[in-house]
C-alpha atoms as a PDB file:
ATOM      1  CA  UNK A   1      76.191 170.505 133.749  1.00  0.00           C
ATOM      2  CA  UNK A   2      77.741 171.877 130.580  1.00  0.00           C
ATOM      3  CA  UNK A   3      76.840 169.997 127.436  1.00  0.00           C
ATOM      4  CA  UNK A   4      79.391 169.410 124.677  1.00  0.00           C
ATOM      5  CA  UNK A   5      79.107 172.153 122.088  1.00  0.00           C
ATOM      6  CA  UNK A   6      77.765 171.406 118.655  1.00  0.00           C
ATOM      7  CA  UNK A   7      80.270 171.618 115.838  1.00  0.00           C
ATOM      8  CA  UNK A   8      79.644 172.127 112.176  1.00  0.00           C
ATOM      9  CA  UNK A   9      77.009 174.684 111.195  1.00  0.00           C
ATOM     10  CA  UNK A  10      74.473 174.110 108.453  1.00  0.00           C
ATOM     11  CA  UNK A  11      76.484 176.400 106.180  1.00  0.00           C
ATOM     12  CA  UNK A  12      79.451 174.042 106.462  1.00  0.00           C
ATOM     13  CA  UNK A  13      77.469 170.981 105.459  1.00  0.00           C
ATOM     14  CA  UNK A  14      77.981 169.768 101.931  1.00  0.00           C
ATOM     15  CA  UNK A  15      75.265 170.032  99.321  1.00  0.00           C
ATOM     16  CA  UNK A  16      74.316 166.352  99.560  1.00  0.00           C
ATOM     17  CA  UNK A  17      73.429 166.776 103.242  1.00  0.00           C
ATOM     18  CA  UNK A  18      71.028 169.689 102.635  1.00  0.00           C
ATOM     19  CA  UNK A  19      68.251 167.535 101.205  1.00  0.00           C
ATOM     20  CA  UNK A  20      68.624 164.046 102.729  1.00  0.00           C
ATOM     21  CA  UNK A  21      65.847 161.475 102.429  1.00  0.00           C
ATOM     22  CA  UNK A  22      64.688 160.053 105.794  1.00  0.00           C
ATOM     23  CA  UNK A  23      65.393 156.382 106.516  1.00  0.00           C
ATOM     24  CA  UNK A  24      64.990 155.922 110.315  1.00  0.00           C
ATOM     25  CA  UNK A  25      66.465 152.484 111.028  1.00  0.00           C
ATOM     26  CA  UNK A  26      68.593 151.151 113.884  1.00  0.00           C
ATOM     27  CA  UNK A  27      71.296 148.810 112.577  1.00  0.00           C
ATOM     28  CA  UNK A  28      74.095 146.730 114.090  1.00  0.00           C
ATOM     29  CA  UNK A  29      77.079 147.937 112.063  1.00  0.00           C
ATOM     30  CA  UNK A  30      80.776 147.161 111.719  1.00  0.00           C
ATOM     31  CA  UNK A  31      83.058 150.143 112.287  1.00  0.00           C
ATOM     32  CA  UNK A  32      86.704 149.900 111.169  1.00  0.00           C
ATOM     33  CA  UNK A  33      88.689 152.694 112.789  1.00  0.00           C
ATOM     34  CA  UNK A  34      91.878 150.607 112.824  1.00  0.00           C
ATOM     35  CA  UNK A  35      93.078 147.603 110.775  1.00  0.00           C
ATOM     36  CA  UNK A  36      91.877 144.283 112.135  1.00  0.00           C
ATOM     37  CA  UNK A  37      88.636 143.241 113.743  1.00  0.00           C
ATOM     38  CA  UNK A  38      85.765 145.745 113.548  1.00  0.00           C
ATOM     39  CA  UNK A  39      83.996 147.439 116.421  1.00  0.00           C
ATOM     40  CA  UNK A  40      80.318 146.448 116.601  1.00  0.00           C
ATOM     41  CA  UNK A  41      78.252 149.605 116.942  1.00  0.00           C
ATOM     42  CA  UNK A  42      74.511 150.276 116.910  1.00  0.00           C
ATOM     43  CA  UNK A  43      73.710 153.221 114.656  1.00  0.00           C
ATOM     44  CA  UNK A  44      70.347 154.832 114.041  1.00  0.00           C
ATOM     45  CA  UNK A  45      70.379 155.738 110.356  1.00  0.00           C
ATOM     46  CA  UNK A  46      68.481 159.013 110.080  1.00  0.00           C
ATOM     47  CA  UNK A  47      68.879 159.897 106.422  1.00  0.00           C
ATOM     48  CA  UNK A  48      70.721 158.996 103.247  1.00  0.00           C
ATOM     49  CA  UNK A  49      71.892 160.945 100.208  1.00  0.00           C
ATOM     50  CA  UNK A  50      74.163 160.292  97.247  1.00  0.00           C
ATOM     51  CA  UNK A  51      76.975 161.968  99.149  1.00  0.00           C
ATOM     52  CA  UNK A  52      76.674 160.345 102.552  1.00  0.00           C
ATOM     53  CA  UNK A  53      74.564 159.187 105.460  1.00  0.00           C
ATOM     54  CA  UNK A  54      73.303 160.763 108.690  1.00  0.00           C
ATOM     55  CA  UNK A  55      73.468 158.632 111.845  1.00  0.00           C
ATOM     56  CA  UNK A  56      72.832 158.923 115.574  1.00  0.00           C
ATOM     57  CA  UNK A  57      74.818 156.956 118.142  1.00  0.00           C
ATOM     58  CA  UNK A  58      76.040 157.145 121.735  1.00  0.00           C
ATOM     59  CA  UNK A  59      79.640 157.530 120.606  1.00  0.00           C
ATOM     60  CA  UNK A  60      81.243 160.845 119.708  1.00  0.00           C
ATOM     61  CA  UNK A  61      83.128 160.640 116.411  1.00  0.00           C
ATOM     62  CA  UNK A  62      85.074 163.928 116.045  1.00  0.00           C
ATOM     63  CA  UNK A  63      84.933 165.863 112.760  1.00  0.00           C
ATOM     64  CA  UNK A  64      87.336 164.708 110.034  1.00  0.00           C
ATOM     65  CA  UNK A  65      87.560 161.218 111.565  1.00  0.00           C
ATOM     66  CA  UNK A  66      87.902 158.738 108.678  1.00  0.00           C
ATOM     67  CA  UNK A  67      86.909 155.083 108.794  1.00  0.00           C
ATOM     68  CA  UNK A  68      85.296 152.195 106.961  1.00  0.00           C
ATOM     69  CA  UNK A  69      81.677 151.290 107.764  1.00  0.00           C
ATOM     70  CA  UNK A  70      79.553 148.272 106.857  1.00  0.00           C
ATOM     71  CA  UNK A  71      75.781 148.719 107.126  1.00  0.00           C
ATOM     72  CA  UNK A  72      73.544 145.604 106.891  1.00  0.00           C
ATOM     73  CA  UNK A  73      70.689 146.042 104.415  1.00  0.00           C
ATOM     74  CA  UNK A  74      68.383 143.200 105.379  1.00  0.00           C
ATOM     75  CA  UNK A  75      64.952 144.762 105.568  1.00  0.00           C
ATOM     76  CA  UNK A  76      65.673 147.466 102.964  1.00  0.00           C
ATOM     77  CA  UNK A  77      64.236 145.456 100.074  1.00  0.00           C
ATOM     78  CA  UNK A  78      67.471 145.557  98.043  1.00  0.00           C
ATOM     79  CA  UNK A  79      69.380 142.766  96.324  1.00  0.00           C
ATOM     80  CA  UNK A  80      72.573 143.815  98.125  1.00  0.00           C
ATOM     81  CA  UNK A  81      73.024 142.576 101.691  1.00  0.00           C
ATOM     82  CA  UNK A  82      75.591 145.140 102.896  1.00  0.00           C
ATOM     83  CA  UNK A  83      76.536 148.720 102.111  1.00  0.00           C
ATOM     84  CA  UNK A  84      80.329 148.867 102.485  1.00  0.00           C
ATOM     85  CA  UNK A  85      82.089 152.233 102.218  1.00  0.00           C
ATOM     86  CA  UNK A  86      84.765 154.548 103.553  1.00  0.00           C
ATOM     87  CA  UNK A  87      83.693 157.892 104.966  1.00  0.00           C
ATOM     88  CA  UNK A  88      84.689 160.879 107.048  1.00  0.00           C
ATOM     89  CA  UNK A  89      82.769 162.795 109.706  1.00  0.00           C
ATOM     90  CA  UNK A  90      81.733 165.963 107.874  1.00  0.00           C
ATOM     91  CA  UNK A  91      79.899 167.396 110.896  1.00  0.00           C
ATOM     92  CA  UNK A  92      78.401 166.341 114.202  1.00  0.00           C
ATOM     93  CA  UNK A  93      76.280 167.812 116.967  1.00  0.00           C
ATOM     94  CA  UNK A  94      75.330 166.777 120.490  1.00  0.00           C
ATOM     95  CA  UNK A  95      71.761 165.661 121.166  1.00  0.00           C
ATOM     96  CA  UNK A  96      69.965 165.188 124.465  1.00  0.00           C
ATOM     97  CA  UNK A  97      70.516 161.969 126.385  1.00  0.00           C
ATOM     98  CA  UNK A  98      74.179 161.532 125.541  1.00  0.00           C
ATOM     99  CA  UNK A  99      73.566 160.923 121.827  1.00  0.00           C
ATOM    100  CA  UNK A 100      75.466 162.408 118.893  1.00  0.00           C
ATOM    101  CA  UNK A 101      74.156 163.152 115.419  1.00  0.00           C
ATOM    102  CA  UNK A 102      76.824 162.705 112.709  1.00  0.00           C
ATOM    103  CA  UNK A 103      76.942 163.558 109.039  1.00  0.00           C
ATOM    104  CA  UNK A 104      79.149 160.987 107.309  1.00  0.00           C
ATOM    105  CA  UNK A 105      80.461 161.883 103.853  1.00  0.00           C
ATOM    106  CA  UNK A 106      81.327 159.045 101.474  1.00  0.00           C
ATOM    107  CA  UNK A 107      85.028 159.163 100.532  1.00  0.00           C
ATOM    108  CA  UNK A 108      85.207 155.799  98.759  1.00  0.00           C
ATOM    109  CA  UNK A 109      82.085 154.182  97.329  1.00  0.00           C
ATOM    110  CA  UNK A 110      82.477 151.355  94.820  1.00  0.00           C
ATOM    111  CA  UNK A 111      80.153 151.330  91.827  1.00  0.00           C
ATOM    112  CA  UNK A 112      78.052 148.410  93.122  1.00  0.00           C
ATOM    113  CA  UNK A 113      77.463 150.241  96.417  1.00  0.00           C
ATOM    114  CA  UNK A 114      76.701 153.511  94.625  1.00  0.00           C
ATOM    115  CA  UNK A 115      73.997 151.680  92.678  1.00  0.00           C
ATOM    116  CA  UNK A 116      72.650 150.249  95.947  1.00  0.00           C
ATOM    117  CA  UNK A 117      72.363 153.784  97.377  1.00  0.00           C
ATOM    118  CA  UNK A 118      70.478 154.826  94.241  1.00  0.00           C
ATOM    119  CA  UNK A 119      68.150 151.841  94.643  1.00  0.00           C
ATOM    120  CA  UNK A 120      67.365 152.752  98.262  1.00  0.00           C
ATOM    121  CA  UNK A 121      66.807 156.414  97.443  1.00  0.00           C
ATOM    122  CA  UNK A 122      64.481 155.490  94.603  1.00  0.00           C
ATOM    123  CA  UNK A 123      62.091 153.975  97.156  1.00  0.00           C
ATOM    124  CA  UNK A 124      61.610 157.249  99.010  1.00  0.00           C
ATOM    125  CA  UNK A 125      59.950 160.518  98.095  1.00  0.00           C
ATOM    126  CA  UNK A 126      61.335 163.805  99.412  1.00  0.00           C
ATOM    127  CA  UNK A 127      58.783 164.051 102.235  1.00  0.00           C
ATOM    128  CA  UNK A 128      60.052 160.756 103.641  1.00  0.00           C
ATOM    129  CA  UNK A 129      57.264 158.479 102.382  1.00  0.00           C
ATOM    130  CA  UNK A 130      57.791 155.493 100.149  1.00  0.00           C
ATOM    131  CA  UNK A 131      57.117 156.121  96.462  1.00  0.00           C
ATOM    132  CA  UNK A 132      55.370 152.780  96.301  1.00  0.00           C
ATOM    133  CA  UNK A 133      53.241 151.176  98.985  1.00  0.00           C
ATOM    134  CA  UNK A 134      56.045 148.877 100.058  1.00  0.00           C
ATOM    135  CA  UNK A 135      57.402 147.911 103.439  1.00  0.00           C
ATOM    136  CA  UNK A 136      60.843 149.111 104.538  1.00  0.00           C
ATOM    137  CA  UNK A 137      61.420 148.350 108.242  1.00  0.00           C
ATOM    138  CA  UNK A 138      63.202 145.801 110.419  1.00  0.00           C
ATOM    139  CA  UNK A 139      60.415 143.272 111.088  1.00  0.00           C
ATOM    140  CA  UNK A 140      61.309 139.834 112.558  1.00  0.00           C
ATOM    141  CA  UNK A 141      59.569 136.967 110.750  1.00  0.00           C
ATOM    142  CA  UNK A 142      59.430 133.262 111.663  1.00  0.00           C
ATOM    143  CA  UNK A 143      58.033 130.326 109.659  1.00  0.00           C
ATOM    144  CA  UNK A 144      56.740 126.854 110.453  1.00  0.00           C
ATOM    145  CA  UNK A 145      55.227 124.108 108.315  1.00  0.00           C
ATOM    146  CA  UNK A 146      52.889 122.547 110.888  1.00  0.00           C
ATOM    147  CA  UNK A 147      50.465 124.378 113.218  1.00  0.00           C
ATOM    148  CA  UNK A 148      52.096 122.934 116.328  1.00  0.00           C
ATOM    149  CA  UNK A 149      55.592 122.442 114.867  1.00  0.00           C
ATOM    150  CA  UNK A 150      58.752 124.372 115.745  1.00  0.00           C
ATOM    151  CA  UNK A 151      59.357 127.826 114.330  1.00  0.00           C
ATOM    152  CA  UNK A 152      62.293 128.235 111.973  1.00  0.00           C
ATOM    153  CA  UNK A 153      64.900 130.789 113.003  1.00  0.00           C
ATOM    154  CA  UNK A 154      63.772 134.398 112.785  1.00  0.00           C
ATOM    155  CA  UNK A 155      64.667 136.474 109.733  1.00  0.00           C
ATOM    156  CA  UNK A 156      63.814 140.035 108.744  1.00  0.00           C
ATOM    157  CA  UNK A 157      61.173 140.868 106.164  1.00  0.00           C
ATOM    158  CA  UNK A 158      62.574 142.541 103.058  1.00  0.00           C
ATOM    159  CA  UNK A 159      59.092 143.607 101.981  1.00  0.00           C
ATOM    160  CA  UNK A 160      55.587 143.487 103.432  1.00  0.00           C
ATOM    161  CA  UNK A 161      52.229 144.376 101.856  1.00  0.00           C
ATOM    162  CA  UNK A 162      48.612 143.502 102.595  1.00  0.00           C
ATOM    163  CA  UNK A 163      48.990 140.512 100.259  1.00  0.00           C
ATOM    164  CA  UNK A 164      52.439 139.037 100.909  1.00  0.00           C
ATOM    165  CA  UNK A 165      55.727 139.086 102.785  1.00  0.00           C
ATOM    166  CA  UNK A 166      59.227 138.586 101.364  1.00  0.00           C
ATOM    167  CA  UNK A 167      62.390 137.527 103.171  1.00  0.00           C
ATOM    168  CA  UNK A 168      65.788 135.942 102.578  1.00  0.00           C
ATOM    169  CA  UNK A 169      66.600 132.402 103.643  1.00  0.00           C
ATOM    170  CA  UNK A 170      69.695 130.196 103.597  1.00  0.00           C
ATOM    171  CA  UNK A 171      67.783 127.337 101.971  1.00  0.00           C
ATOM    172  CA  UNK A 172      65.159 127.292  99.209  1.00  0.00           C
ATOM    173  CA  UNK A 173      61.468 126.582  99.765  1.00  0.00           C
ATOM    174  CA  UNK A 174      59.359 124.744  97.212  1.00  0.00           C
ATOM    175  CA  UNK A 175      56.852 126.890  95.377  1.00  0.00           C
ATOM    176  CA  UNK A 176      53.331 125.959  96.439  1.00  0.00           C
ATOM    177  CA  UNK A 177      54.403 125.016  99.982  1.00  0.00           C
ATOM    178  CA  UNK A 178      51.943 126.182 102.660  1.00  0.00           C
ATOM    179  CA  UNK A 179      53.395 127.678 105.831  1.00  0.00           C
ATOM    180  CA  UNK A 180      52.394 129.668 108.879  1.00  0.00           C
ATOM    181  CA  UNK A 181      54.067 133.080 109.146  1.00  0.00           C
ATOM    182  CA  UNK A 182      54.647 134.860 112.453  1.00  0.00           C
ATOM    183  CA  UNK A 183      55.125 138.631 112.235  1.00  0.00           C
ATOM    184  CA  UNK A 184      56.573 140.246 115.375  1.00  0.00           C
ATOM    185  CA  UNK A 185      54.756 143.584 115.112  1.00  0.00           C
ATOM    186  CA  UNK A 186      55.923 146.867 116.610  1.00  0.00           C
ATOM    187  CA  UNK A 187      53.988 149.631 118.417  1.00  0.00           C
ATOM    188  CA  UNK A 188      52.973 147.267 121.236  1.00  0.00           C
ATOM    189  CA  UNK A 189      50.845 145.195 118.858  1.00  0.00           C
ATOM    190  CA  UNK A 190      50.712 141.398 119.423  1.00  0.00           C
ATOM    191  CA  UNK A 191      52.485 139.018 117.045  1.00  0.00           C
ATOM    192  CA  UNK A 192      50.390 138.108 114.038  1.00  0.00           C
ATOM    193  CA  UNK A 193      50.157 134.491 112.794  1.00  0.00           C
ATOM    194  CA  UNK A 194      49.083 134.251 109.149  1.00  0.00           C
ATOM    195  CA  UNK A 195      48.662 131.331 106.705  1.00  0.00           C
ATOM    196  CA  UNK A 196      50.717 131.734 103.528  1.00  0.00           C
ATOM    197  CA  UNK A 197      51.897 129.929 100.401  1.00  0.00           C
ATOM    198  CA  UNK A 198      55.316 130.129  98.722  1.00  0.00           C
ATOM    199  CA  UNK A 199      54.769 131.777  95.333  1.00  0.00           C
ATOM    200  CA  UNK A 200      58.369 132.597  94.405  1.00  0.00           C
ATOM    201  CA  UNK A 201      61.854 131.439  95.407  1.00  0.00           C
ATOM    202  CA  UNK A 202      64.778 133.176  93.707  1.00  0.00           C
ATOM    203  CA  UNK A 203      68.409 132.208  94.246  1.00  0.00           C
ATOM    204  CA  UNK A 204      70.707 135.104  95.174  1.00  0.00           C
ATOM    205  CA  UNK A 205      74.507 135.423  95.273  1.00  0.00           C
ATOM    206  CA  UNK A 206      76.023 133.852  98.359  1.00  0.00           C
ATOM    207  CA  UNK A 207      73.746 130.782  98.375  1.00  0.00           C
ATOM    208  CA  UNK A 208      70.783 132.707  99.746  1.00  0.00           C
ATOM    209  CA  UNK A 209      67.218 132.765  98.469  1.00  0.00           C
ATOM    210  CA  UNK A 210      64.627 135.530  98.190  1.00  0.00           C
ATOM    211  CA  UNK A 211      61.263 133.971  99.070  1.00  0.00           C
ATOM    212  CA  UNK A 212      57.819 135.469  98.563  1.00  0.00           C
ATOM    213  CA  UNK A 213      54.947 134.177 100.709  1.00  0.00           C
ATOM    214  CA  UNK A 214      51.410 135.058  99.620  1.00  0.00           C
ATOM    215  CA  UNK A 215      48.904 135.293 102.469  1.00  0.00           C
ATOM    216  CA  UNK A 216      45.978 132.867 102.199  1.00  0.00           C
ATOM    217  CA  UNK A 217      42.355 133.322 103.323  1.00  0.00           C
ATOM    218  CA  UNK A 218      42.947 135.889 106.049  1.00  0.00           C
ATOM    219  CA  UNK A 219      40.125 136.388 108.517  1.00  0.00           C
ATOM    220  CA  UNK A 220      38.636 139.887 108.803  1.00  0.00           C
ATOM    221  CA  UNK A 221      40.457 140.256 112.129  1.00  0.00           C
ATOM    222  CA  UNK A 222      43.819 139.282 110.611  1.00  0.00           C
ATOM    223  CA  UNK A 223      43.317 141.596 107.643  1.00  0.00           C
ATOM    224  CA  UNK A 224      42.380 144.464 109.964  1.00  0.00           C
ATOM    225  CA  UNK A 225      45.440 143.889 112.178  1.00  0.00           C
ATOM    226  CA  UNK A 226      47.816 143.768 109.200  1.00  0.00           C
ATOM    227  CA  UNK A 227      46.245 146.853 107.629  1.00  0.00           C
ATOM    228  CA  UNK A 228      46.461 148.723 110.942  1.00  0.00           C
ATOM    229  CA  UNK A 229      50.133 147.830 111.323  1.00  0.00           C
ATOM    230  CA  UNK A 230      51.065 148.993 107.824  1.00  0.00           C
ATOM    231  CA  UNK A 231      49.200 152.241 108.360  1.00  0.00           C
ATOM    232  CA  UNK A 232      51.136 152.789 111.613  1.00  0.00           C
ATOM    233  CA  UNK A 233      54.380 152.147 109.715  1.00  0.00           C
ATOM    234  CA  UNK A 234      53.515 154.713 107.066  1.00  0.00           C
ATOM    235  CA  UNK A 235      52.346 157.315 109.587  1.00  0.00           C
ATOM    236  CA  UNK A 236      55.492 156.915 111.702  1.00  0.00           C
ATOM    237  CA  UNK A 237      57.796 157.978 108.876  1.00  0.00           C
END
């Protein structure tokens, strides 16, 4: 069976796309090809530069297609919640398995979103590793106040280290409150339940709160599991 031909050689790619910084996240995005309600599309964000973003998806977006895109940023560790921009397809190529790789060039990027891009890029070195030992993945987190009580609705961690986890909530939590944290680990690892204490709760725009939970008295087994997971995250970049 003939495969669709790749379009857009490396020579045609703009300067910003020559040295992108790897991101590697799958996000549920809003794509606005026409006025009105958006199309919900899952995009795997491969890389990011000051000029645009590289994405993989199962939809073919022909070169020069222009549209508005909204990328959720929960889990990126930024103050902003969404990256909202207009772009055009600068190039695209066919990948195996019916997937397309696209290079999207920013055509309209408001100042606040430009600063958000700078903030994200500042967290990555050019070989794709974080400049600081900080977490930057989509990790579901749940909380509960009592050992046998119900879990609060899952949220995504905005940062994870060996000492603490941070996430955004719709309601504040009192500093000093003790909770149990459930981390839904990747790589086939079992969920990890850890005791923690609220050490910071900062109000954000939009009536949301950035909460930091410091882990408390981890057992050697819990510490080993958390350390192993973070090492897997770093090595998978």
